[in-house]
């Protein structure tokens, strides 16, 4: 699950990817163009370049900010660390 995808989406850049089940399952999966082969990849790039960006579509990307990802990680790790004291 490449982190660059979330960085590109945060910049409101279109993303074209090979099929990746882990990305498709993410909340941002609907914002990513998934391609099956070389020709499909080229077609998806063309589509991505002309797509109008709907700002509301990208609100979900905010959940993947570094601050939010760190908070999620901390909420998982902190109780374990505290229990080791």
C-alpha atoms as a PDB file:
ATOM      1  CA  UNK A   1       0.000   0.000   0.000  1.00  0.00           C
ATOM      2  CA  UNK A   2       2.187   2.866  -1.246  1.00  0.00           C
ATOM      3  CA  UNK A   3       2.148   6.032   0.841  1.00  0.00           C
ATOM      4  CA  UNK A   4       2.885   8.166  -2.226  1.00  0.00           C
ATOM      5  CA  UNK A   5      -0.675   7.566  -3.405  1.00  0.00           C
ATOM      6  CA  UNK A   6      -2.042   9.411  -0.379  1.00  0.00           C
ATOM      7  CA  UNK A   7       0.448  12.241  -0.865  1.00  0.00           C
ATOM      8  CA  UNK A   8      -0.611  12.655  -4.507  1.00  0.00           C
ATOM      9  CA  UNK A   9      -4.275  12.589  -3.554  1.00  0.00           C
ATOM     10  CA  UNK A  10      -3.665  15.157  -0.801  1.00  0.00           C
ATOM     11  CA  UNK A  11      -2.250  17.417  -3.521  1.00  0.00           C
ATOM     12  CA  UNK A  12      -5.417  16.773  -5.533  1.00  0.00           C
ATOM     13  CA  UNK A  13      -3.408  14.985  -8.222  1.00  0.00           C
ATOM     14  CA  UNK A  14      -5.030  12.219 -10.245  1.00  0.00           C
ATOM     15  CA  UNK A  15      -3.691   8.743  -9.517  1.00  0.00           C
ATOM     16  CA  UNK A  16      -3.535   5.845 -11.943  1.00  0.00           C
ATOM     17  CA  UNK A  17      -2.404   2.528 -10.533  1.00  0.00           C
ATOM     18  CA  UNK A  18      -2.142  -1.100 -11.429  1.00  0.00           C
ATOM     19  CA  UNK A  19      -4.706  -3.224  -9.649  1.00  0.00           C
ATOM     20  CA  UNK A  20      -3.944  -3.269  -5.936  1.00  0.00           C
ATOM     21  CA  UNK A  21      -6.579  -4.813  -3.716  1.00  0.00           C
ATOM     22  CA  UNK A  22      -5.242  -3.004  -0.634  1.00  0.00           C
ATOM     23  CA  UNK A  23      -5.694   0.382  -2.336  1.00  0.00           C
ATOM     24  CA  UNK A  24      -9.092  -0.512  -3.745  1.00  0.00           C
ATOM     25  CA  UNK A  25     -10.304  -1.320  -0.205  1.00  0.00           C
ATOM     26  CA  UNK A  26      -9.203   2.056   1.169  1.00  0.00           C
ATOM     27  CA  UNK A  27     -11.731   4.878   1.497  1.00  0.00           C
ATOM     28  CA  UNK A  28      -9.872   6.702  -1.279  1.00  0.00           C
ATOM     29  CA  UNK A  29     -10.195   3.750  -3.670  1.00  0.00           C
ATOM     30  CA  UNK A  30     -12.949   5.493  -5.603  1.00  0.00           C
ATOM     31  CA  UNK A  31     -10.550   8.352  -6.424  1.00  0.00           C
ATOM     32  CA  UNK A  32      -7.960   6.073  -8.016  1.00  0.00           C
ATOM     33  CA  UNK A  33      -8.027   4.868 -11.611  1.00  0.00           C
ATOM     34  CA  UNK A  34      -7.118   1.175 -11.619  1.00  0.00           C
ATOM     35  CA  UNK A  35      -5.748  -0.306 -14.825  1.00  0.00           C
ATOM     36  CA  UNK A  36      -5.698  -3.930 -15.925  1.00  0.00           C
ATOM     37  CA  UNK A  37      -3.007  -3.739 -18.604  1.00  0.00           C
ATOM     38  CA  UNK A  38      -0.804  -1.390 -20.620  1.00  0.00           C
ATOM     39  CA  UNK A  39      -3.562  -0.147 -22.923  1.00  0.00           C
ATOM     40  CA  UNK A  40      -5.985   0.342 -20.050  1.00  0.00           C
ATOM     41  CA  UNK A  41      -3.286   2.242 -18.145  1.00  0.00           C
ATOM     42  CA  UNK A  42      -2.899   4.658 -21.071  1.00  0.00           C
ATOM     43  CA  UNK A  43      -6.660   5.104 -21.288  1.00  0.00           C
ATOM     44  CA  UNK A  44      -6.952   5.756 -17.551  1.00  0.00           C
ATOM     45  CA  UNK A  45      -4.207   8.394 -17.749  1.00  0.00           C
ATOM     46  CA  UNK A  46      -6.190  10.185 -20.456  1.00  0.00           C
ATOM     47  CA  UNK A  47      -9.336  10.026 -18.320  1.00  0.00           C
ATOM     48  CA  UNK A  48      -7.511  11.257 -15.221  1.00  0.00           C
ATOM     49  CA  UNK A  49      -6.093  14.253 -17.067  1.00  0.00           C
ATOM     50  CA  UNK A  50      -9.513  15.519 -18.165  1.00  0.00           C
ATOM     51  CA  UNK A  51     -11.453  14.679 -15.003  1.00  0.00           C
ATOM     52  CA  UNK A  52     -12.856  17.638 -13.141  1.00  0.00           C
ATOM     53  CA  UNK A  53     -11.843  17.467  -9.510  1.00  0.00           C
ATOM     54  CA  UNK A  54     -14.727  17.657  -7.096  1.00  0.00           C
ATOM     55  CA  UNK A  55     -13.367  19.070  -3.837  1.00  0.00           C
ATOM     56  CA  UNK A  56     -15.941  17.134  -1.806  1.00  0.00           C
ATOM     57  CA  UNK A  57     -14.560  13.878  -3.214  1.00  0.00           C
ATOM     58  CA  UNK A  58     -11.217  14.680  -1.697  1.00  0.00           C
ATOM     59  CA  UNK A  59     -12.431  15.340   1.860  1.00  0.00           C
ATOM     60  CA  UNK A  60     -11.807  11.671   2.605  1.00  0.00           C
ATOM     61  CA  UNK A  61      -8.107  12.236   1.839  1.00  0.00           C
ATOM     62  CA  UNK A  62      -7.769  14.371   4.970  1.00  0.00           C
ATOM     63  CA  UNK A  63      -8.145  11.216   7.072  1.00  0.00           C
ATOM     64  CA  UNK A  64      -4.810  10.101   5.652  1.00  0.00           C
ATOM     65  CA  UNK A  65      -2.826  13.176   6.728  1.00  0.00           C
ATOM     66  CA  UNK A  66       0.395  12.506   8.630  1.00  0.00           C
ATOM     67  CA  UNK A  67      -1.178  13.989  11.767  1.00  0.00           C
ATOM     68  CA  UNK A  68      -4.175  11.667  11.556  1.00  0.00           C
ATOM     69  CA  UNK A  69      -2.061   8.615  10.701  1.00  0.00           C
ATOM     70  CA  UNK A  70       0.256   9.342  13.629  1.00  0.00           C
ATOM     71  CA  UNK A  71      -2.695   9.786  15.993  1.00  0.00           C
ATOM     72  CA  UNK A  72      -4.101   6.442  14.871  1.00  0.00           C
ATOM     73  CA  UNK A  73      -0.732   4.744  15.335  1.00  0.00           C
ATOM     74  CA  UNK A  74      -0.246   6.350  18.733  1.00  0.00           C
ATOM     75  CA  UNK A  75      -3.676   5.189  19.903  1.00  0.00           C
ATOM     76  CA  UNK A  76      -2.609   1.618  19.117  1.00  0.00           C
ATOM     77  CA  UNK A  77       0.948   1.736  20.432  1.00  0.00           C
ATOM     78  CA  UNK A  78       0.552   3.901  23.529  1.00  0.00           C
ATOM     79  CA  UNK A  79      -1.553   1.433  25.569  1.00  0.00           C
ATOM     80  CA  UNK A  80       0.958  -1.320  24.819  1.00  0.00           C
ATOM     81  CA  UNK A  81       3.865   0.853  25.889  1.00  0.00           C
ATOM     82  CA  UNK A  82       2.079   1.924  29.067  1.00  0.00           C
ATOM     83  CA  UNK A  83       1.294  -1.662  29.972  1.00  0.00           C
ATOM     84  CA  UNK A  84       5.005  -2.512  29.789  1.00  0.00           C
ATOM     85  CA  UNK A  85       5.933  -0.057  32.537  1.00  0.00           C
END
